[in-house]
Amino acid sequence: MDVRGYFEEINAESQRIFTYTTSNYVVELGKAHHLSTCIFEFSEYLFDKDEMALLNTVSAQIESATLNLTLGLYRQAFSALRLAFEMALGCTYFSINKLEHSEWLNGKADIKWAKLIDKDNGVLSVRFSNAFFSEMAAFTNDYNNRASVLYRSLSEFVHGNNETWSKSGILLNINYCLIGRFFSHLIEMVEIILFVLSCRYLKSIDQTERETMDFLSSQLSHIEPIRVLFGGPKT
């Protein structure tokens, strides 16, 4: 078999998976697309163009992850989700660490997960919440723990843990378990991202502009401080 024929066979199998996934997971794919647009829409309320651009990249990474899923490229899909997660929290971290942001933009520094998630000084710390949206501090530890668990799960596919090969396989095949896991992780990830973005930016956004953020009030209405900020009831 020549190399063109070899890759045509791979593409044919990938397209078969694409047809199946897009036909049988319409609701889930629509939800994934909506969640990526939530990140994009939030970026439009930021003042810093570099932070806005970084969030736009996060939105694009979520779309890329979902596309990989539809093609049966599950390992790549989870890896793209992890990258989106790092970049979203990194954007928030850089908003208060401009020196490190400039170094990152210049290719002289990396986004370090340990700094992002640090329980004393990270973007999911009580200190961080108290500085920008104190009413959210009571929720911070829970979201920190959830973020750590999620990141660990996504990292298994990046680091090539042995268990992930048995789950994703080497050959292209539809994997119903991983499809479900992907959508579950995506929903969890975007909730955590929107929580962090809300802690950092929401109170600095003018009330008139906040009233147009329907996407956020609907996604995080279960968090009382956010619900109340949007005019909802206290429990």
C-alpha atoms as a PDB file:
ATOM      1  CA  MET A   1       0.000   0.000   0.000  1.00  0.00           C
ATOM      2  CA  ASP A   2       1.333   3.450  -0.887  1.00  0.00           C
ATOM      3  CA  VAL A   3       1.399   6.127   1.799  1.00  0.00           C
ATOM      4  CA  ARG A   4      -1.527   8.033   0.259  1.00  0.00           C
ATOM      5  CA  GLY A   5      -3.711   4.931   0.346  1.00  0.00           C
ATOM      6  CA  TYR A   6      -2.631   4.249   3.930  1.00  0.00           C
ATOM      7  CA  PHE A   7      -3.732   7.675   5.123  1.00  0.00           C
ATOM      8  CA  GLU A   8      -6.914   7.545   3.048  1.00  0.00           C
ATOM      9  CA  GLU A   9      -7.927   4.427   4.984  1.00  0.00           C
ATOM     10  CA  ILE A  10      -7.226   6.158   8.287  1.00  0.00           C
ATOM     11  CA  ASN A  11      -9.203   9.191   7.163  1.00  0.00           C
ATOM     12  CA  ALA A  12     -12.117   6.998   6.072  1.00  0.00           C
ATOM     13  CA  GLU A  13     -12.294   5.407   9.514  1.00  0.00           C
ATOM     14  CA  SER A  14     -12.017   8.797  11.194  1.00  0.00           C
ATOM     15  CA  GLN A  15     -14.843  10.107   9.020  1.00  0.00           C
ATOM     16  CA  ARG A  16     -16.964   7.113  10.002  1.00  0.00           C
ATOM     17  CA  ILE A  17     -16.443   8.018  13.653  1.00  0.00           C
ATOM     18  CA  PHE A  18     -17.165  11.679  12.833  1.00  0.00           C
ATOM     19  CA  THR A  19     -20.480  10.762  11.193  1.00  0.00           C
ATOM     20  CA  TYR A  20     -21.506   8.605  14.132  1.00  0.00           C
ATOM     21  CA  THR A  21     -20.500  11.146  16.793  1.00  0.00           C
ATOM     22  CA  THR A  22     -22.100  14.147  15.115  1.00  0.00           C
ATOM     23  CA  SER A  23     -25.301  12.175  14.505  1.00  0.00           C
ATOM     24  CA  ASN A  24     -25.675  10.665  17.981  1.00  0.00           C
ATOM     25  CA  TYR A  25     -24.319  13.408  20.263  1.00  0.00           C
ATOM     26  CA  VAL A  26     -26.037  16.471  18.818  1.00  0.00           C
ATOM     27  CA  VAL A  27     -27.149  17.834  22.208  1.00  0.00           C
ATOM     28  CA  GLU A  28     -23.752  17.296  23.809  1.00  0.00           C
ATOM     29  CA  LEU A  29     -21.895  18.883  20.888  1.00  0.00           C
ATOM     30  CA  GLY A  30     -24.245  21.846  20.972  1.00  0.00           C
ATOM     31  CA  LYS A  31     -23.553  22.242  24.690  1.00  0.00           C
ATOM     32  CA  ALA A  32     -19.803  22.070  24.084  1.00  0.00           C
ATOM     33  CA  HIS A  33     -20.007  24.777  21.447  1.00  0.00           C
ATOM     34  CA  HIS A  34     -22.147  26.945  23.719  1.00  0.00           C
ATOM     35  CA  LEU A  35     -19.639  26.625  26.557  1.00  0.00           C
ATOM     36  CA  SER A  36     -16.779  27.654  24.288  1.00  0.00           C
ATOM     37  CA  THR A  37     -18.748  30.742  23.267  1.00  0.00           C
ATOM     38  CA  CYS A  38     -19.287  31.580  26.957  1.00  0.00           C
ATOM     39  CA  ILE A  39     -15.512  31.931  27.341  1.00  0.00           C
ATOM     40  CA  PHE A  40     -15.323  34.010  24.162  1.00  0.00           C
ATOM     41  CA  GLU A  41     -18.167  36.275  25.281  1.00  0.00           C
ATOM     42  CA  PHE A  42     -16.557  36.811  28.686  1.00  0.00           C
ATOM     43  CA  SER A  43     -13.381  37.958  26.946  1.00  0.00           C
ATOM     44  CA  GLU A  44     -15.277  40.816  25.327  1.00  0.00           C
ATOM     45  CA  TYR A  45     -15.777  42.425  28.743  1.00  0.00           C
ATOM     46  CA  LEU A  46     -12.047  42.609  29.488  1.00  0.00           C
ATOM     47  CA  PHE A  47     -10.007  45.776  29.060  1.00  0.00           C
ATOM     48  CA  ASP A  48      -6.576  44.235  28.522  1.00  0.00           C
ATOM     49  CA  LYS A  49      -6.153  43.137  24.888  1.00  0.00           C
ATOM     50  CA  ASP A  50      -3.563  40.476  25.737  1.00  0.00           C
ATOM     51  CA  GLU A  51      -5.871  38.898  28.316  1.00  0.00           C
ATOM     52  CA  MET A  52      -8.734  39.065  25.830  1.00  0.00           C
ATOM     53  CA  ALA A  53      -6.615  37.344  23.176  1.00  0.00           C
ATOM     54  CA  LEU A  54      -5.633  34.603  25.615  1.00  0.00           C
ATOM     55  CA  LEU A  55      -9.266  33.864  26.461  1.00  0.00           C
ATOM     56  CA  ASN A  56     -10.086  33.789  22.756  1.00  0.00           C
ATOM     57  CA  THR A  57      -7.401  31.131  22.395  1.00  0.00           C
ATOM     58  CA  VAL A  58      -9.007  29.168  25.230  1.00  0.00           C
ATOM     59  CA  SER A  59     -12.313  29.245  23.377  1.00  0.00           C
ATOM     60  CA  ALA A  60     -10.614  28.043  20.188  1.00  0.00           C
ATOM     61  CA  GLN A  61      -8.870  25.232  22.092  1.00  0.00           C
ATOM     62  CA  ILE A  62     -12.213  23.984  23.394  1.00  0.00           C
ATOM     63  CA  GLU A  63     -13.516  23.886  19.822  1.00  0.00           C
ATOM     64  CA  SER A  64     -10.342  22.080  18.733  1.00  0.00           C
ATOM     65  CA  ALA A  65     -10.740  19.544  21.530  1.00  0.00           C
ATOM     66  CA  THR A  66     -14.333  18.883  20.493  1.00  0.00           C
ATOM     67  CA  LEU A  67     -13.353  18.464  16.842  1.00  0.00           C
ATOM     68  CA  ASN A  68     -10.698  15.935  17.838  1.00  0.00           C
ATOM     69  CA  LEU A  69     -13.342  14.048  19.781  1.00  0.00           C
ATOM     70  CA  THR A  70     -15.658  13.821  16.781  1.00  0.00           C
ATOM     71  CA  LEU A  71     -12.808  12.378  14.703  1.00  0.00           C
ATOM     72  CA  GLY A  72     -12.023   9.699  17.269  1.00  0.00           C
ATOM     73  CA  LEU A  73      -8.777  11.362  18.367  1.00  0.00           C
ATOM     74  CA  TYR A  74      -9.567  11.015  22.046  1.00  0.00           C
ATOM     75  CA  ARG A  75      -6.067  11.452  23.460  1.00  0.00           C
ATOM     76  CA  GLN A  76      -5.664  14.664  21.482  1.00  0.00           C
ATOM     77  CA  ALA A  77      -9.097  15.838  22.629  1.00  0.00           C
ATOM     78  CA  PHE A  78      -8.240  15.477  26.318  1.00  0.00           C
ATOM     79  CA  SER A  79      -4.818  17.057  25.780  1.00  0.00           C
ATOM     80  CA  ALA A  80      -6.429  20.087  24.130  1.00  0.00           C
ATOM     81  CA  LEU A  81      -8.840  20.401  27.053  1.00  0.00           C
ATOM     82  CA  ARG A  82      -5.950  20.444  29.493  1.00  0.00           C
ATOM     83  CA  LEU A  83      -4.226  23.155  27.498  1.00  0.00           C
ATOM     84  CA  ALA A  84      -7.415  25.239  27.491  1.00  0.00           C
ATOM     85  CA  PHE A  85      -7.704  24.784  31.257  1.00  0.00           C
ATOM     86  CA  GLU A  86      -4.120  25.919  31.861  1.00  0.00           C
ATOM     87  CA  MET A  87      -4.447  28.925  29.588  1.00  0.00           C
ATOM     88  CA  ALA A  88      -7.734  30.092  31.106  1.00  0.00           C
ATOM     89  CA  LEU A  89      -6.412  30.028  34.656  1.00  0.00           C
ATOM     90  CA  GLY A  90      -3.115  31.398  33.359  1.00  0.00           C
ATOM     91  CA  CYS A  91      -4.932  34.388  31.872  1.00  0.00           C
ATOM     92  CA  THR A  92      -6.416  35.205  35.264  1.00  0.00           C
ATOM     93  CA  TYR A  93      -3.070  34.687  36.993  1.00  0.00           C
ATOM     94  CA  PHE A  94      -1.307  36.936  34.496  1.00  0.00           C
ATOM     95  CA  SER A  95      -3.874  39.682  35.054  1.00  0.00           C
ATOM     96  CA  ILE A  96      -2.301  40.288  38.476  1.00  0.00           C
ATOM     97  CA  ASN A  97       1.256  39.240  37.585  1.00  0.00           C
ATOM     98  CA  LYS A  98       2.111  41.443  34.629  1.00  0.00           C
ATOM     99  CA  LEU A  99       5.853  40.843  34.772  1.00  0.00           C
ATOM    100  CA  GLU A 100       5.331  37.098  34.344  1.00  0.00           C
ATOM    101  CA  HIS A 101       2.739  37.798  31.651  1.00  0.00           C
ATOM    102  CA  SER A 102       5.247  39.840  29.644  1.00  0.00           C
ATOM    103  CA  GLU A 103       7.875  37.138  30.086  1.00  0.00           C
ATOM    104  CA  TRP A 104       5.384  34.543  28.837  1.00  0.00           C
ATOM    105  CA  LEU A 105       4.456  36.678  25.829  1.00  0.00           C
ATOM    106  CA  ASN A 106       8.171  36.981  25.043  1.00  0.00           C
ATOM    107  CA  GLY A 107       8.686  33.230  25.291  1.00  0.00           C
ATOM    108  CA  LYS A 108      10.829  33.497  28.419  1.00  0.00           C
ATOM    109  CA  ALA A 109       8.466  31.845  30.902  1.00  0.00           C
ATOM    110  CA  ASP A 110       5.912  29.041  31.058  1.00  0.00           C
ATOM    111  CA  ILE A 111       2.494  28.731  32.609  1.00  0.00           C
ATOM    112  CA  LYS A 112       3.040  26.690  35.771  1.00  0.00           C
ATOM    113  CA  TRP A 113       0.048  24.804  37.101  1.00  0.00           C
ATOM    114  CA  ALA A 114       1.422  24.668  40.642  1.00  0.00           C
ATOM    115  CA  LYS A 115       1.395  28.479  40.795  1.00  0.00           C
ATOM    116  CA  LEU A 116      -2.103  28.737  39.343  1.00  0.00           C
ATOM    117  CA  ILE A 117      -3.573  26.327  41.845  1.00  0.00           C
ATOM    118  CA  ASP A 118      -1.535  27.327  44.896  1.00  0.00           C
ATOM    119  CA  LYS A 119      -3.934  27.363  47.844  1.00  0.00           C
ATOM    120  CA  ASP A 120      -2.329  30.410  49.422  1.00  0.00           C
ATOM    121  CA  ASN A 121      -1.668  32.669  46.437  1.00  0.00           C
ATOM    122  CA  GLY A 122      -3.196  31.094  43.342  1.00  0.00           C
ATOM    123  CA  VAL A 123      -6.311  32.060  41.431  1.00  0.00           C
ATOM    124  CA  LEU A 124      -8.367  29.607  43.457  1.00  0.00           C
ATOM    125  CA  SER A 125      -7.178  30.788  46.847  1.00  0.00           C
ATOM    126  CA  VAL A 126      -9.151  32.558  49.557  1.00  0.00           C
ATOM    127  CA  ARG A 127      -6.669  35.408  49.328  1.00  0.00           C
ATOM    128  CA  PHE A 128      -7.446  35.876  45.634  1.00  0.00           C
ATOM    129  CA  SER A 129     -11.209  35.796  46.163  1.00  0.00           C
ATOM    130  CA  ASN A 130     -11.019  38.221  49.076  1.00  0.00           C
ATOM    131  CA  ALA A 131      -9.120  40.681  46.930  1.00  0.00           C
ATOM    132  CA  PHE A 132     -11.621  40.808  44.063  1.00  0.00           C
ATOM    133  CA  PHE A 133     -14.947  39.253  45.113  1.00  0.00           C
ATOM    134  CA  SER A 134     -14.913  38.479  48.823  1.00  0.00           C
ATOM    135  CA  GLU A 135     -18.334  36.811  48.844  1.00  0.00           C
ATOM    136  CA  MET A 136     -16.868  34.023  46.709  1.00  0.00           C
ATOM    137  CA  ALA A 137     -14.202  33.073  49.258  1.00  0.00           C
ATOM    138  CA  ALA A 138     -16.431  30.467  50.890  1.00  0.00           C
ATOM    139  CA  PHE A 139     -16.558  28.508  47.616  1.00  0.00           C
ATOM    140  CA  THR A 140     -12.897  28.751  46.710  1.00  0.00           C
ATOM    141  CA  ASN A 141     -11.478  25.669  48.442  1.00  0.00           C
ATOM    142  CA  ASP A 142     -14.078  23.412  46.888  1.00  0.00           C
ATOM    143  CA  TYR A 143     -13.326  24.726  43.403  1.00  0.00           C
ATOM    144  CA  ASN A 144      -9.602  24.400  44.052  1.00  0.00           C
ATOM    145  CA  ASN A 145     -10.035  20.733  44.928  1.00  0.00           C
ATOM    146  CA  ARG A 146     -12.248  20.126  41.909  1.00  0.00           C
ATOM    147  CA  ALA A 147      -9.722  21.810  39.627  1.00  0.00           C
ATOM    148  CA  SER A 148      -6.904  19.632  40.957  1.00  0.00           C
ATOM    149  CA  VAL A 149      -8.857  16.415  40.421  1.00  0.00           C
ATOM    150  CA  LEU A 150      -9.897  17.444  36.912  1.00  0.00           C
ATOM    151  CA  TYR A 151      -6.392  18.492  35.912  1.00  0.00           C
ATOM    152  CA  ARG A 152      -5.000  15.196  37.134  1.00  0.00           C
ATOM    153  CA  SER A 153      -7.535  13.290  35.034  1.00  0.00           C
ATOM    154  CA  LEU A 154      -6.784  15.329  31.907  1.00  0.00           C
ATOM    155  CA  SER A 155      -3.036  14.976  32.496  1.00  0.00           C
ATOM    156  CA  GLU A 156      -3.237  11.186  32.301  1.00  0.00           C
ATOM    157  CA  PHE A 157      -3.727  11.491  28.555  1.00  0.00           C
ATOM    158  CA  VAL A 158      -0.915  14.020  28.161  1.00  0.00           C
ATOM    159  CA  HIS A 159       1.628  11.960  30.101  1.00  0.00           C
ATOM    160  CA  GLY A 160       0.578   8.708  28.453  1.00  0.00           C
ATOM    161  CA  ASN A 161      -0.298   6.849  31.641  1.00  0.00           C
ATOM    162  CA  ASN A 162      -0.599   3.127  30.931  1.00  0.00           C
ATOM    163  CA  GLU A 163      -4.295   3.026  31.836  1.00  0.00           C
ATOM    164  CA  THR A 164      -5.128   5.581  29.149  1.00  0.00           C
ATOM    165  CA  TRP A 165      -3.868   3.322  26.355  1.00  0.00           C
ATOM    166  CA  SER A 166      -6.369   0.659  27.315  1.00  0.00           C
ATOM    167  CA  LYS A 167      -9.086   3.318  27.355  1.00  0.00           C
ATOM    168  CA  SER A 168      -8.243   5.168  24.165  1.00  0.00           C
ATOM    169  CA  GLY A 169      -6.550   2.356  22.264  1.00  0.00           C
ATOM    170  CA  ILE A 170      -4.024   2.624  19.483  1.00  0.00           C
ATOM    171  CA  LEU A 171      -6.359   2.077  16.529  1.00  0.00           C
ATOM    172  CA  LEU A 172      -9.197   4.432  15.642  1.00  0.00           C
ATOM    173  CA  ASN A 173     -12.420   3.158  17.181  1.00  0.00           C
ATOM    174  CA  ILE A 174     -15.539   4.712  18.646  1.00  0.00           C
ATOM    175  CA  ASN A 175     -15.162   4.818  22.434  1.00  0.00           C
ATOM    176  CA  TYR A 176     -18.461   5.539  24.146  1.00  0.00           C
ATOM    177  CA  CYS A 177     -16.888   5.726  27.605  1.00  0.00           C
ATOM    178  CA  LEU A 178     -14.371   8.372  26.580  1.00  0.00           C
ATOM    179  CA  ILE A 179     -16.996  10.393  24.734  1.00  0.00           C
ATOM    180  CA  GLY A 180     -19.071  10.601  27.902  1.00  0.00           C
ATOM    181  CA  ARG A 181     -16.008  11.373  29.992  1.00  0.00           C
ATOM    182  CA  PHE A 182     -14.977  14.148  27.609  1.00  0.00           C
ATOM    183  CA  PHE A 183     -18.294  15.974  27.819  1.00  0.00           C
ATOM    184  CA  SER A 184     -18.378  15.566  31.599  1.00  0.00           C
ATOM    185  CA  HIS A 185     -14.865  17.006  31.923  1.00  0.00           C
ATOM    186  CA  LEU A 186     -15.656  19.852  29.543  1.00  0.00           C
ATOM    187  CA  ILE A 187     -18.703  20.936  31.534  1.00  0.00           C
ATOM    188  CA  GLU A 188     -16.731  20.751  34.791  1.00  0.00           C
ATOM    189  CA  MET A 189     -13.799  22.646  33.318  1.00  0.00           C
ATOM    190  CA  VAL A 190     -15.857  25.538  31.956  1.00  0.00           C
ATOM    191  CA  GLU A 191     -17.705  25.923  35.264  1.00  0.00           C
ATOM    192  CA  ILE A 192     -14.379  26.234  37.092  1.00  0.00           C
ATOM    193  CA  ILE A 193     -13.041  28.678  34.490  1.00  0.00           C
ATOM    194  CA  LEU A 194     -16.133  30.867  34.700  1.00  0.00           C
ATOM    195  CA  PHE A 195     -15.912  30.785  38.494  1.00  0.00           C
ATOM    196  CA  VAL A 196     -12.307  32.018  38.389  1.00  0.00           C
ATOM    197  CA  LEU A 197     -13.076  34.678  35.786  1.00  0.00           C
ATOM    198  CA  SER A 198     -16.032  35.860  37.856  1.00  0.00           C
ATOM    199  CA  CYS A 199     -13.899  36.114  40.994  1.00  0.00           C
ATOM    200  CA  ARG A 200     -11.337  38.203  39.165  1.00  0.00           C
ATOM    201  CA  TYR A 201     -13.366  40.442  36.884  1.00  0.00           C
ATOM    202  CA  LEU A 202     -17.062  40.475  37.635  1.00  0.00           C
ATOM    203  CA  LYS A 203     -17.139  43.257  40.208  1.00  0.00           C
ATOM    204  CA  SER A 204     -14.938  45.458  38.022  1.00  0.00           C
ATOM    205  CA  ILE A 205     -17.425  45.250  35.154  1.00  0.00           C
ATOM    206  CA  ASP A 206     -19.956  48.073  35.065  1.00  0.00           C
ATOM    207  CA  GLN A 207     -23.425  47.051  36.231  1.00  0.00           C
ATOM    208  CA  THR A 208     -24.990  48.066  32.920  1.00  0.00           C
ATOM    209  CA  GLU A 209     -22.607  45.755  31.104  1.00  0.00           C
ATOM    210  CA  ARG A 210     -23.115  42.975  33.637  1.00  0.00           C
ATOM    211  CA  GLU A 211     -26.822  42.996  32.835  1.00  0.00           C
ATOM    212  CA  THR A 212     -25.971  41.809  29.324  1.00  0.00           C
ATOM    213  CA  MET A 213     -24.030  38.765  30.590  1.00  0.00           C
ATOM    214  CA  ASP A 214     -26.961  36.351  30.391  1.00  0.00           C
ATOM    215  CA  PHE A 215     -24.615  33.489  29.496  1.00  0.00           C
ATOM    216  CA  LEU A 216     -22.876  33.844  32.858  1.00  0.00           C
ATOM    217  CA  SER A 217     -25.901  34.313  35.087  1.00  0.00           C
ATOM    218  CA  SER A 218     -27.449  31.161  33.611  1.00  0.00           C
ATOM    219  CA  GLN A 219     -24.283  29.046  33.929  1.00  0.00           C
ATOM    220  CA  LEU A 220     -23.461  30.038  37.522  1.00  0.00           C
ATOM    221  CA  SER A 221     -26.884  30.775  38.977  1.00  0.00           C
ATOM    222  CA  HIS A 222     -26.319  28.016  41.568  1.00  0.00           C
ATOM    223  CA  ILE A 223     -23.570  30.145  43.194  1.00  0.00           C
ATOM    224  CA  GLU A 224     -25.383  32.543  45.515  1.00  0.00           C
ATOM    225  CA  PRO A 225     -23.003  35.555  45.365  1.00  0.00           C
ATOM    226  CA  ILE A 226     -23.178  35.542  41.567  1.00  0.00           C
ATOM    227  CA  ARG A 227     -26.938  35.011  41.521  1.00  0.00           C
ATOM    228  CA  VAL A 228     -27.432  37.892  43.950  1.00  0.00           C
ATOM    229  CA  LEU A 229     -25.076  40.138  41.961  1.00  0.00           C
ATOM    230  CA  PHE A 230     -27.327  39.590  38.942  1.00  0.00           C
ATOM    231  CA  GLY A 231     -30.412  40.485  40.970  1.00  0.00           C
ATOM    232  CA  GLY A 232     -31.463  36.983  41.947  1.00  0.00           C
ATOM    233  CA  PRO A 233     -32.735  35.825  45.330  1.00  0.00           C
ATOM    234  CA  LYS A 234     -30.756  34.769  48.366  1.00  0.00           C
ATOM    235  CA  THR A 235     -31.351  31.277  49.700  1.00  0.00           C
END
